[in-house]
Amino acid sequence: MTEASGASTSTITVSRVPGGWKDRLRRYQVVIDGEQVAAIKHGERVDLPVTPGKHTVFMKISWARSPQLELDVAPGQVVTLECAPTGSPPAGPGAATYIDLRRTS
């Protein structure tokens, strides 16, 4: 992920849903294009500058992760994502997703 300057900068905003107790004290790692770029706490929001173009985004915690989202971000665009824990943990590594990640704008 390469940061750009000026009008060509785009932003991926990730919000972690407040409420509930699951993972309340743990941070989710934000991974964009294979690189961990931030860690997000319960109820927190992070704004991540990216270059315009195609990006892959997912969240992870320990060995569990969210589905991967494929984004095509236009110059100057702000893409908003929201994450939250799912209802139950997966049976084992790679069995199922543990974090819900969805695009909200």
Protein backbone atom coordinates (compact mmCIF):
# COMPACT_ATOMS: atom_id res chain seq x y z
CA MET A 1 0.00 0.00 0.00
CA THR A 2 1.46 3.32 -1.01
CA GLU A 3 0.28 6.60 0.41
CA ALA A 4 -0.36 9.36 -2.10
CA SER A 5 -0.65 13.10 -1.57
CA GLY A 6 -3.12 15.75 -2.66
CA ALA A 7 -6.37 15.10 -4.53
CA SER A 8 -5.27 11.65 -5.67
CA THR A 9 -5.43 10.29 -2.11
CA SER A 10 -8.32 8.00 -1.27
CA THR A 11 -9.38 6.70 2.13
CA ILE A 12 -10.58 3.40 3.54
CA THR A 13 -12.40 4.01 6.82
CA VAL A 14 -12.92 1.02 9.10
CA SER A 15 -15.30 1.18 12.08
CA ARG A 16 -15.61 -1.51 14.71
CA VAL A 17 -19.16 -1.89 15.99
CA PRO A 18 -19.57 -1.00 19.68
CA GLY A 19 -21.66 -3.17 21.97
CA GLY A 20 -21.44 -6.73 23.21
CA TRP A 21 -18.65 -8.41 25.14
CA LYS A 22 -17.06 -10.70 22.58
CA ASP A 23 -13.46 -9.60 21.88
CA ARG A 24 -14.14 -6.38 23.79
CA LEU A 25 -10.57 -6.21 25.12
CA ARG A 26 -8.84 -7.42 21.95
CA ARG A 27 -7.80 -5.43 18.89
CA TYR A 28 -8.59 -6.53 15.35
CA GLN A 29 -5.76 -6.10 12.87
CA VAL A 30 -6.61 -4.30 9.63
CA VAL A 31 -4.81 -5.85 6.64
CA ILE A 32 -4.75 -4.01 3.29
CA ASP A 33 -2.99 -5.58 0.32
CA GLY A 34 -1.31 -8.14 2.58
CA GLU A 35 0.14 -5.54 4.96
CA GLN A 36 -1.07 -4.96 8.53
CA VAL A 37 -1.74 -1.23 8.58
CA ALA A 38 -3.69 -0.68 11.81
CA ALA A 39 -5.22 -2.29 14.86
CA ILE A 40 -8.73 -1.32 15.86
CA LYS A 41 -10.29 -1.46 19.32
CA HIS A 42 -13.91 -2.01 20.31
CA GLY A 43 -15.97 1.02 19.18
CA GLU A 44 -13.03 2.66 17.38
CA ARG A 45 -12.74 4.05 13.84
CA VAL A 46 -9.59 4.37 11.73
CA ASP A 47 -9.09 6.34 8.51
CA LEU A 48 -6.47 4.78 6.26
CA PRO A 49 -5.08 6.68 3.25
CA VAL A 50 -4.61 4.54 0.13
CA THR A 51 -3.74 5.13 -3.48
CA PRO A 52 -6.68 4.99 -5.89
CA GLY A 53 -7.16 1.59 -7.47
CA LYS A 54 -7.78 -1.99 -6.44
CA HIS A 55 -7.17 -3.11 -2.87
CA THR A 56 -7.91 -6.20 -0.79
CA VAL A 57 -8.96 -5.74 2.83
CA PHE A 58 -9.57 -8.16 5.69
CA MET A 59 -9.50 -8.19 9.49
CA LYS A 60 -7.71 -10.74 11.63
CA ILE A 61 -7.28 -11.72 15.26
CA SER A 62 -4.93 -14.54 16.25
CA TRP A 63 -5.60 -17.30 13.67
CA ALA A 64 -9.16 -16.22 12.80
CA ARG A 65 -10.10 -13.66 10.18
CA SER A 66 -12.86 -12.01 8.21
CA PRO A 67 -13.74 -12.63 4.60
CA GLN A 68 -11.51 -10.68 2.20
CA LEU A 69 -13.12 -7.71 0.43
CA GLU A 70 -12.00 -6.60 -3.01
CA LEU A 71 -12.31 -2.81 -3.40
CA ASP A 72 -11.82 -0.55 -6.40
CA VAL A 73 -11.29 2.90 -4.90
CA ALA A 74 -11.65 6.02 -7.07
CA PRO A 75 -9.40 9.10 -6.61
CA GLY A 76 -10.63 11.12 -3.63
CA GLN A 77 -13.19 8.45 -2.66
CA VAL A 78 -13.85 7.43 0.93
CA VAL A 79 -14.86 3.77 1.27
CA THR A 80 -16.47 2.91 4.60
CA LEU A 81 -16.23 -0.56 6.11
CA GLU A 82 -17.69 -1.94 9.33
CA CYS A 83 -16.51 -4.94 11.34
CA ALA A 84 -17.88 -6.92 14.28
CA PRO A 85 -17.41 -10.38 15.80
CA THR A 86 -19.66 -13.11 14.43
CA GLY A 87 -22.02 -15.12 16.62
CA SER A 88 -19.65 -18.00 17.38
CA PRO A 89 -15.99 -18.87 16.86
CA PRO A 90 -14.98 -21.20 14.04
CA ALA A 91 -14.24 -24.86 14.71
CA GLY A 92 -10.56 -24.45 13.85
CA PRO A 93 -8.11 -22.52 11.67
CA GLY A 94 -9.61 -21.89 8.24
CA ALA A 95 -12.93 -23.53 9.20
CA ALA A 96 -15.07 -20.40 9.05
CA THR A 97 -14.84 -16.67 9.50
CA TYR A 98 -14.86 -15.20 12.97
CA ILE A 99 -15.12 -11.50 12.10
CA ASP A 100 -17.84 -9.97 9.95
CA LEU A 101 -16.55 -7.28 7.55
CA ARG A 102 -18.86 -5.43 5.20
CA ARG A 103 -18.87 -2.34 3.06
CA THR A 104 -21.29 0.37 4.18
CA SER A 105 -20.50 2.99 1.50
